[in-house]
C-alpha atoms as a PDB file:
ATOM      1  CA  UNK A   1      78.726 115.554  85.570  1.00  0.00           C
ATOM      2  CA  UNK A   2      79.442 113.952  88.912  1.00  0.00           C
ATOM      3  CA  UNK A   3      78.204 115.095  92.321  1.00  0.00           C
ATOM      4  CA  UNK A   4      79.056 113.452  95.621  1.00  0.00           C
ATOM      5  CA  UNK A   5      76.009 111.666  97.020  1.00  0.00           C
ATOM      6  CA  UNK A   6      76.931 111.357 100.689  1.00  0.00           C
ATOM      7  CA  UNK A   7      77.692 113.947 103.325  1.00  0.00           C
ATOM      8  CA  UNK A   8      81.299 113.460 104.549  1.00  0.00           C
ATOM      9  CA  UNK A   9      80.169 114.060 108.161  1.00  0.00           C
ATOM     10  CA  UNK A  10      76.911 112.107 108.653  1.00  0.00           C
ATOM     11  CA  UNK A  11      76.581 110.028 105.477  1.00  0.00           C
ATOM     12  CA  UNK A  12      73.207 111.542 104.518  1.00  0.00           C
ATOM     13  CA  UNK A  13      72.526 111.250 100.778  1.00  0.00           C
ATOM     14  CA  UNK A  14      70.428 114.411 100.416  1.00  0.00           C
ATOM     15  CA  UNK A  15      72.209 117.706  99.812  1.00  0.00           C
ATOM     16  CA  UNK A  16      72.086 120.728  97.581  1.00  0.00           C
ATOM     17  CA  UNK A  17      74.584 123.056  95.963  1.00  0.00           C
ATOM     18  CA  UNK A  18      75.252 126.367  97.663  1.00  0.00           C
ATOM     19  CA  UNK A  19      77.739 129.157  97.054  1.00  0.00           C
ATOM     20  CA  UNK A  20      81.223 128.824  95.570  1.00  0.00           C
ATOM     21  CA  UNK A  21      81.013 125.187  94.559  1.00  0.00           C
ATOM     22  CA  UNK A  22      79.970 123.834  97.952  1.00  0.00           C
ATOM     23  CA  UNK A  23      77.172 121.464  98.975  1.00  0.00           C
ATOM     24  CA  UNK A  24      75.050 121.566 102.131  1.00  0.00           C
ATOM     25  CA  UNK A  25      73.717 118.454 103.865  1.00  0.00           C
ATOM     26  CA  UNK A  26      69.940 118.477 104.419  1.00  0.00           C
ATOM     27  CA  UNK A  27      70.363 116.553 107.692  1.00  0.00           C
ATOM     28  CA  UNK A  28      73.298 118.027 109.653  1.00  0.00           C
ATOM     29  CA  UNK A  29      73.670 121.220 107.555  1.00  0.00           C
ATOM     30  CA  UNK A  30      77.372 120.577 107.094  1.00  0.00           C
ATOM     31  CA  UNK A  31      78.904 122.297 104.070  1.00  0.00           C
ATOM     32  CA  UNK A  32      81.746 120.808 102.091  1.00  0.00           C
ATOM     33  CA  UNK A  33      83.599 121.653  98.938  1.00  0.00           C
ATOM     34  CA  UNK A  34      83.301 119.057  96.229  1.00  0.00           C
ATOM     35  CA  UNK A  35      87.095 118.772  95.830  1.00  0.00           C
ATOM     36  CA  UNK A  36      87.034 120.287  92.379  1.00  0.00           C
ATOM     37  CA  UNK A  37      83.869 118.440  91.432  1.00  0.00           C
ATOM     38  CA  UNK A  38      81.750 118.399  89.387  1.00  0.00           C
ATOM     39  CA  UNK A  39      84.300 117.517  86.728  1.00  0.00           C
ATOM     40  CA  UNK A  40      82.076 118.645  83.869  1.00  0.00           C
ATOM     41  CA  UNK A  41      82.546 115.358  82.039  1.00  0.00           C
ATOM     42  CA  UNK A  42      79.715 113.754  80.125  1.00  0.00           C
ATOM     43  CA  UNK A  43      79.138 110.007  80.185  1.00  0.00           C
ATOM     44  CA  UNK A  44      80.781 109.792  76.751  1.00  0.00           C
ATOM     45  CA  UNK A  45      83.849 111.692  77.945  1.00  0.00           C
ATOM     46  CA  UNK A  46      84.093 109.478  81.011  1.00  0.00           C
ATOM     47  CA  UNK A  47      84.046 106.332  78.893  1.00  0.00           C
ATOM     48  CA  UNK A  48      86.792 107.691  76.631  1.00  0.00           C
ATOM     49  CA  UNK A  49      88.881 108.556  79.685  1.00  0.00           C
ATOM     50  CA  UNK A  50      88.335 105.067  81.086  1.00  0.00           C
ATOM     51  CA  UNK A  51      89.484 103.486  77.825  1.00  0.00           C
ATOM     52  CA  UNK A  52      92.789 105.397  77.873  1.00  0.00           C
ATOM     53  CA  UNK A  53      93.214 104.614  81.563  1.00  0.00           C
ATOM     54  CA  UNK A  54      92.686 100.882  80.994  1.00  0.00           C
ATOM     55  CA  UNK A  55      95.088 100.946  78.045  1.00  0.00           C
ATOM     56  CA  UNK A  56      97.765 102.160  80.442  1.00  0.00           C
ATOM     57  CA  UNK A  57      98.206 105.760  79.318  1.00  0.00           C
ATOM     58  CA  UNK A  58      99.732 108.144  81.841  1.00  0.00           C
ATOM     59  CA  UNK A  59      97.688 110.980  83.289  1.00  0.00           C
ATOM     60  CA  UNK A  60      99.636 113.413  81.099  1.00  0.00           C
ATOM     61  CA  UNK A  61      98.808 111.418  77.965  1.00  0.00           C
ATOM     62  CA  UNK A  62      95.146 111.114  78.951  1.00  0.00           C
ATOM     63  CA  UNK A  63      94.984 114.877  79.496  1.00  0.00           C
ATOM     64  CA  UNK A  64      96.414 115.467  76.013  1.00  0.00           C
ATOM     65  CA  UNK A  65      94.082 112.977  74.344  1.00  0.00           C
ATOM     66  CA  UNK A  66      91.010 114.285  76.166  1.00  0.00           C
ATOM     67  CA  UNK A  67      92.006 117.959  76.000  1.00  0.00           C
ATOM     68  CA  UNK A  68      91.609 118.207  79.782  1.00  0.00           C
ATOM     69  CA  UNK A  69      93.707 119.688  82.546  1.00  0.00           C
ATOM     70  CA  UNK A  70      96.088 117.284  84.264  1.00  0.00           C
ATOM     71  CA  UNK A  71      94.565 118.106  87.644  1.00  0.00           C
ATOM     72  CA  UNK A  72      91.111 117.274  86.352  1.00  0.00           C
ATOM     73  CA  UNK A  73      92.340 113.932  85.023  1.00  0.00           C
ATOM     74  CA  UNK A  74      94.088 113.115  88.301  1.00  0.00           C
ATOM     75  CA  UNK A  75      90.883 113.788  90.244  1.00  0.00           C
ATOM     76  CA  UNK A  76      88.913 111.623  87.839  1.00  0.00           C
ATOM     77  CA  UNK A  77      91.361 108.731  88.198  1.00  0.00           C
ATOM     78  CA  UNK A  78      91.191 108.987  91.989  1.00  0.00           C
ATOM     79  CA  UNK A  79      87.417 108.585  91.726  1.00  0.00           C
ATOM     80  CA  UNK A  80      87.940 105.519  89.551  1.00  0.00           C
ATOM     81  CA  UNK A  81      90.337 103.936  92.050  1.00  0.00           C
ATOM     82  CA  UNK A  82      88.037 104.745  94.962  1.00  0.00           C
ATOM     83  CA  UNK A  83      85.279 102.886  93.107  1.00  0.00           C
ATOM     84  CA  UNK A  84      87.588  99.935  92.446  1.00  0.00           C
ATOM     85  CA  UNK A  85      88.217  99.643  96.194  1.00  0.00           C
ATOM     86  CA  UNK A  86      84.544  98.767  96.601  1.00  0.00           C
ATOM     87  CA  UNK A  87      84.505  96.065  93.906  1.00  0.00           C
ATOM     88  CA  UNK A  88      85.432  93.237  96.286  1.00  0.00           C
ATOM     89  CA  UNK A  89      85.357  89.594  95.092  1.00  0.00           C
ATOM     90  CA  UNK A  90      82.874  87.278  96.840  1.00  0.00           C
ATOM     91  CA  UNK A  91      84.050  85.095  99.711  1.00  0.00           C
ATOM     92  CA  UNK A  92      86.602  82.572  98.417  1.00  0.00           C
ATOM     93  CA  UNK A  93      86.219  78.840  98.828  1.00  0.00           C
ATOM     94  CA  UNK A  94      87.999  75.710  97.613  1.00  0.00           C
ATOM     95  CA  UNK A  95      91.794  76.003  97.459  1.00  0.00           C
ATOM     96  CA  UNK A  96      93.318  79.363  98.350  1.00  0.00           C
ATOM     97  CA  UNK A  97      96.816  80.739  98.849  1.00  0.00           C
ATOM     98  CA  UNK A  98      97.767  83.281 101.517  1.00  0.00           C
ATOM     99  CA  UNK A  99     100.934  85.325 101.818  1.00  0.00           C
ATOM    100  CA  UNK A 100     102.207  88.754 102.763  1.00  0.00           C
ATOM    101  CA  UNK A 101     104.566  91.118 100.992  1.00  0.00           C
ATOM    102  CA  UNK A 102     106.150  94.512 101.609  1.00  0.00           C
ATOM    103  CA  UNK A 103     105.969  97.605  99.443  1.00  0.00           C
ATOM    104  CA  UNK A 104     108.080 100.745  99.542  1.00  0.00           C
ATOM    105  CA  UNK A 105     110.169 103.153  97.519  1.00  0.00           C
ATOM    106  CA  UNK A 106     113.831 103.019  96.669  1.00  0.00           C
ATOM    107  CA  UNK A 107     116.170 103.079  99.672  1.00  0.00           C
ATOM    108  CA  UNK A 108     117.954 106.190  98.410  1.00  0.00           C
ATOM    109  CA  UNK A 109     114.622 108.046  98.459  1.00  0.00           C
ATOM    110  CA  UNK A 110     113.908 107.264 102.130  1.00  0.00           C
ATOM    111  CA  UNK A 111     114.137 109.968 104.752  1.00  0.00           C
ATOM    112  CA  UNK A 112     117.598 110.391 106.238  1.00  0.00           C
ATOM    113  CA  UNK A 113     116.326 109.367 109.708  1.00  0.00           C
ATOM    114  CA  UNK A 114     115.023 106.098 108.250  1.00  0.00           C
ATOM    115  CA  UNK A 115     118.266 105.375 106.430  1.00  0.00           C
ATOM    116  CA  UNK A 116     120.306 106.000 109.571  1.00  0.00           C
ATOM    117  CA  UNK A 117     118.213 103.478 111.509  1.00  0.00           C
ATOM    118  CA  UNK A 118     118.699 100.862 108.836  1.00  0.00           C
ATOM    119  CA  UNK A 119     116.130  98.414 107.518  1.00  0.00           C
ATOM    120  CA  UNK A 120     115.613  94.710 107.169  1.00  0.00           C
ATOM    121  CA  UNK A 121     114.463  92.874 104.096  1.00  0.00           C
ATOM    122  CA  UNK A 122     111.236  90.878 104.141  1.00  0.00           C
ATOM    123  CA  UNK A 123     109.577  90.340 107.505  1.00  0.00           C
ATOM    124  CA  UNK A 124     110.682  93.033 109.918  1.00  0.00           C
ATOM    125  CA  UNK A 125     111.216  95.640 107.214  1.00  0.00           C
ATOM    126  CA  UNK A 126     110.122  99.265 107.599  1.00  0.00           C
ATOM    127  CA  UNK A 127     108.186  99.036 104.330  1.00  0.00           C
ATOM    128  CA  UNK A 128     104.387  98.811 104.168  1.00  0.00           C
ATOM    129  CA  UNK A 129     102.976  95.325 104.776  1.00  0.00           C
ATOM    130  CA  UNK A 130     100.307  93.952 102.440  1.00  0.00           C
ATOM    131  CA  UNK A 131      98.323  90.742 103.011  1.00  0.00           C
ATOM    132  CA  UNK A 132      96.852  88.805 100.121  1.00  0.00           C
ATOM    133  CA  UNK A 133      94.594  85.860  99.382  1.00  0.00           C
ATOM    134  CA  UNK A 134      94.373  84.166  95.985  1.00  0.00           C
ATOM    135  CA  UNK A 135      91.724  81.662  94.985  1.00  0.00           C
ATOM    136  CA  UNK A 136      92.769  79.027  92.475  1.00  0.00           C
ATOM    137  CA  UNK A 137      89.826  80.158  90.331  1.00  0.00           C
ATOM    138  CA  UNK A 138      92.031  83.139  89.467  1.00  0.00           C
ATOM    139  CA  UNK A 139      90.739  85.934  91.715  1.00  0.00           C
ATOM    140  CA  UNK A 140      92.827  87.767  94.277  1.00  0.00           C
ATOM    141  CA  UNK A 141      92.121  89.998  97.267  1.00  0.00           C
ATOM    142  CA  UNK A 142      94.765  92.176  98.937  1.00  0.00           C
ATOM    143  CA  UNK A 143      94.931  95.069 101.354  1.00  0.00           C
ATOM    144  CA  UNK A 144      97.468  97.031 103.371  1.00  0.00           C
ATOM    145  CA  UNK A 145      97.794  95.881 106.990  1.00  0.00           C
ATOM    146  CA  UNK A 146      99.313  97.577 110.044  1.00  0.00           C
ATOM    147  CA  UNK A 147     101.398  94.491 110.860  1.00  0.00           C
ATOM    148  CA  UNK A 148     101.691  90.787 110.029  1.00  0.00           C
ATOM    149  CA  UNK A 149     100.789  89.370 113.424  1.00  0.00           C
ATOM    150  CA  UNK A 150      98.329  86.478 113.693  1.00  0.00           C
ATOM    151  CA  UNK A 151      95.677  88.618 115.373  1.00  0.00           C
ATOM    152  CA  UNK A 152      95.707  90.883 112.306  1.00  0.00           C
ATOM    153  CA  UNK A 153      95.917  88.300 109.496  1.00  0.00           C
ATOM    154  CA  UNK A 154      93.703  85.466 110.774  1.00  0.00           C
ATOM    155  CA  UNK A 155      90.547  87.641 111.107  1.00  0.00           C
ATOM    156  CA  UNK A 156      91.059  88.803 107.512  1.00  0.00           C
ATOM    157  CA  UNK A 157      91.357  85.185 106.397  1.00  0.00           C
ATOM    158  CA  UNK A 158      88.156  84.240 108.232  1.00  0.00           C
ATOM    159  CA  UNK A 159      86.306  87.164 106.648  1.00  0.00           C
ATOM    160  CA  UNK A 160      87.421  86.443 103.081  1.00  0.00           C
ATOM    161  CA  UNK A 161      87.603  82.598 102.959  1.00  0.00           C
ATOM    162  CA  UNK A 162      84.843  80.081 103.674  1.00  0.00           C
ATOM    163  CA  UNK A 163      85.375  77.615 106.526  1.00  0.00           C
ATOM    164  CA  UNK A 164      86.462  74.187 105.285  1.00  0.00           C
ATOM    165  CA  UNK A 165      88.558  75.547 102.424  1.00  0.00           C
ATOM    166  CA  UNK A 166      92.119  74.363 101.802  1.00  0.00           C
ATOM    167  CA  UNK A 167      94.583  77.112 102.741  1.00  0.00           C
ATOM    168  CA  UNK A 168      98.130  76.968 101.389  1.00  0.00           C
ATOM    169  CA  UNK A 169     100.822  79.073 103.036  1.00  0.00           C
ATOM    170  CA  UNK A 170     104.479  79.088 103.935  1.00  0.00           C
ATOM    171  CA  UNK A 171     105.621  78.349 107.487  1.00  0.00           C
ATOM    172  CA  UNK A 172     105.443  81.914 108.811  1.00  0.00           C
ATOM    173  CA  UNK A 173     104.522  81.824 112.505  1.00  0.00           C
ATOM    174  CA  UNK A 174     101.422  83.996 112.076  1.00  0.00           C
ATOM    175  CA  UNK A 175      99.768  81.200 110.068  1.00  0.00           C
ATOM    176  CA  UNK A 176     100.223  78.587 112.795  1.00  0.00           C
ATOM    177  CA  UNK A 177      96.598  78.778 113.969  1.00  0.00           C
ATOM    178  CA  UNK A 178      94.932  78.451 110.551  1.00  0.00           C
ATOM    179  CA  UNK A 179      93.894  74.800 111.003  1.00  0.00           C
ATOM    180  CA  UNK A 180      92.339  75.569 114.404  1.00  0.00           C
ATOM    181  CA  UNK A 181      89.964  78.015 112.700  1.00  0.00           C
ATOM    182  CA  UNK A 182      88.306  75.285 110.621  1.00  0.00           C
ATOM    183  CA  UNK A 183      90.504  75.221 107.524  1.00  0.00           C
ATOM    184  CA  UNK A 184      92.590  72.468 105.953  1.00  0.00           C
ATOM    185  CA  UNK A 185      96.079  73.919 106.230  1.00  0.00           C
ATOM    186  CA  UNK A 186      98.809  72.934 103.772  1.00  0.00           C
ATOM    187  CA  UNK A 187     102.326  74.191 104.470  1.00  0.00           C
ATOM    188  CA  UNK A 188     105.016  74.854 101.878  1.00  0.00           C
ATOM    189  CA  UNK A 189     108.476  74.940 103.454  1.00  0.00           C
ATOM    190  CA  UNK A 190     110.151  77.851 101.727  1.00  0.00           C
ATOM    191  CA  UNK A 191     112.826  77.910 104.414  1.00  0.00           C
ATOM    192  CA  UNK A 192     113.879  74.462 103.157  1.00  0.00           C
ATOM    193  CA  UNK A 193     113.833  75.541  99.492  1.00  0.00           C
ATOM    194  CA  UNK A 194     110.502  73.770  98.924  1.00  0.00           C
ATOM    195  CA  UNK A 195     108.178  75.639  96.597  1.00  0.00           C
ATOM    196  CA  UNK A 196     105.799  72.822  95.641  1.00  0.00           C
ATOM    197  CA  UNK A 197     105.285  69.952  98.073  1.00  0.00           C
ATOM    198  CA  UNK A 198     104.726  66.276  97.197  1.00  0.00           C
ATOM    199  CA  UNK A 199     100.949  66.806  97.017  1.00  0.00           C
ATOM    200  CA  UNK A 200     101.284  69.771  94.662  1.00  0.00           C
ATOM    201  CA  UNK A 201     100.532  72.478  97.228  1.00  0.00           C
ATOM    202  CA  UNK A 202     102.137  75.865  96.600  1.00  0.00           C
ATOM    203  CA  UNK A 203     101.621  79.629  96.792  1.00  0.00           C
ATOM    204  CA  UNK A 204     103.156  80.347  93.402  1.00  0.00           C
ATOM    205  CA  UNK A 205      99.993  81.999  92.086  1.00  0.00           C
ATOM    206  CA  UNK A 206      99.988  84.663  94.779  1.00  0.00           C
ATOM    207  CA  UNK A 207     103.724  85.205  94.467  1.00  0.00           C
ATOM    208  CA  UNK A 208     103.145  85.747  90.761  1.00  0.00           C
ATOM    209  CA  UNK A 209     100.606  88.438  91.604  1.00  0.00           C
ATOM    210  CA  UNK A 210     103.084  90.111  93.982  1.00  0.00           C
ATOM    211  CA  UNK A 211     105.592  90.275  91.132  1.00  0.00           C
ATOM    212  CA  UNK A 212     102.984  91.798  88.813  1.00  0.00           C
ATOM    213  CA  UNK A 213     101.984  94.333  91.473  1.00  0.00           C
ATOM    214  CA  UNK A 214     105.549  95.437  92.220  1.00  0.00           C
ATOM    215  CA  UNK A 215     106.379  95.870  88.534  1.00  0.00           C
ATOM    216  CA  UNK A 216     103.329  98.069  88.022  1.00  0.00           C
ATOM    217  CA  UNK A 217     104.012 100.186  91.095  1.00  0.00           C
ATOM    218  CA  UNK A 218     107.688 100.568  90.159  1.00  0.00           C
ATOM    219  CA  UNK A 219     106.624 101.916  86.773  1.00  0.00           C
ATOM    220  CA  UNK A 220     104.743 104.698  88.573  1.00  0.00           C
ATOM    221  CA  UNK A 221     108.051 106.048  89.861  1.00  0.00           C
ATOM    222  CA  UNK A 222     106.906 106.404  93.447  1.00  0.00           C
ATOM    223  CA  UNK A 223     103.551 106.629  95.233  1.00  0.00           C
ATOM    224  CA  UNK A 224     102.697 108.412  98.447  1.00  0.00           C
ATOM    225  CA  UNK A 225     102.161 105.950 101.273  1.00  0.00           C
ATOM    226  CA  UNK A 226      98.674 107.244 102.049  1.00  0.00           C
ATOM    227  CA  UNK A 227      97.610 106.603  98.436  1.00  0.00           C
ATOM    228  CA  UNK A 228      98.964 103.076  98.291  1.00  0.00           C
ATOM    229  CA  UNK A 229      95.581 101.439  99.126  1.00  0.00           C
ATOM    230  CA  UNK A 230      94.024 103.075  96.057  1.00  0.00           C
ATOM    231  CA  UNK A 231      96.766 101.921  93.685  1.00  0.00           C
ATOM    232  CA  UNK A 232      96.705  98.472  95.272  1.00  0.00           C
ATOM    233  CA  UNK A 233      92.953  98.323  94.624  1.00  0.00           C
ATOM    234  CA  UNK A 234      93.555  99.334  91.000  1.00  0.00           C
ATOM    235  CA  UNK A 235      95.949  96.487  90.284  1.00  0.00           C
ATOM    236  CA  UNK A 236      93.870  93.967  92.202  1.00  0.00           C
ATOM    237  CA  UNK A 237      90.943  95.016  90.025  1.00  0.00           C
ATOM    238  CA  UNK A 238      92.955  94.860  86.816  1.00  0.00           C
ATOM    239  CA  UNK A 239      94.266  91.409  87.728  1.00  0.00           C
ATOM    240  CA  UNK A 240      90.809  90.054  88.603  1.00  0.00           C
ATOM    241  CA  UNK A 241      89.331  91.318  85.319  1.00  0.00           C
ATOM    242  CA  UNK A 242      92.314  90.596  83.091  1.00  0.00           C
ATOM    243  CA  UNK A 243      90.320  88.185  80.895  1.00  0.00           C
ATOM    244  CA  UNK A 244      87.454  90.635  80.379  1.00  0.00           C
ATOM    245  CA  UNK A 245      87.206  92.580  77.135  1.00  0.00           C
ATOM    246  CA  UNK A 246      88.052  96.250  77.490  1.00  0.00           C
ATOM    247  CA  UNK A 247      84.521  97.289  76.497  1.00  0.00           C
ATOM    248  CA  UNK A 248      83.137  95.199  79.346  1.00  0.00           C
ATOM    249  CA  UNK A 249      85.727  96.620  81.743  1.00  0.00           C
ATOM    250  CA  UNK A 250      84.636 100.143  80.803  1.00  0.00           C
ATOM    251  CA  UNK A 251      80.976  99.282  81.411  1.00  0.00           C
ATOM    252  CA  UNK A 252      81.787  97.734  84.776  1.00  0.00           C
ATOM    253  CA  UNK A 253      83.846 100.687  86.035  1.00  0.00           C
ATOM    254  CA  UNK A 254      81.227 103.124  84.765  1.00  0.00           C
ATOM    255  CA  UNK A 255      78.544 101.235  86.693  1.00  0.00           C
ATOM    256  CA  UNK A 256      80.733 101.370  89.836  1.00  0.00           C
ATOM    257  CA  UNK A 257      80.984 105.143  89.411  1.00  0.00           C
ATOM    258  CA  UNK A 258      77.233 105.449  88.886  1.00  0.00           C
ATOM    259  CA  UNK A 259      76.576 103.489  92.062  1.00  0.00           C
ATOM    260  CA  UNK A 260      78.574 106.002  94.084  1.00  0.00           C
ATOM    261  CA  UNK A 261      78.073 109.258  92.228  1.00  0.00           C
ATOM    262  CA  UNK A 262      75.236 111.010  90.451  1.00  0.00           C
ATOM    263  CA  UNK A 263      75.745 111.465  86.734  1.00  0.00           C
ATOM    264  CA  UNK A 264      73.960 114.084  84.667  1.00  0.00           C
ATOM    265  CA  UNK A 265      74.534 115.489  81.241  1.00  0.00           C
END
């Protein structure tokens, strides 16, 4: 089974079970419900669930295969995605690509107030902005961002990419200061229909990932905005481990779960 290690209020790792499925923190005495946990799944059951998840089965199909309730499966998959969020690639170096994209549902499904106001495509849209970095070694990092201004994107670049690396981008104004931060900046002029410059610089790898991401999210048929970071983390993880055998993927995710939760049984 799984039990949450940390107190939601103070972060203390010591707690004990009390009445009606709650836990009490030994430090601040805060009580919290375990959100339907423990899930009463053994390590073997978890690994079977992970296999079906990695093979792309829907939550309904996983519930049928595992003889579990759909709600139980949904909670388990949320735990998996929360663990994937924490599996961050090491700092990139060498040649990297940076770009931003925008994610959102179908226009007809927007609130009436949003549709009345209208929306732009691309930069300036009302959709959720996502910033991404791809290393030519094949790894990608991406996260939702509140906006695409330089003071939001450049600090993320500095945190995720080693100084001295070659950074390829388009000519978006927010990337103007990249070279001043200690990087070799290579511009690809998309506004002039240039997608690979004379020296072979491009951001085609990251744009390929955006296409992969949008196809996968579209297949979900709609995701709540507040849950987007978890699904983004899932597809970043899947992309980064796409060459790993499924058995090794299962072991890795299971170890991520063990690092965050206590397993017994």
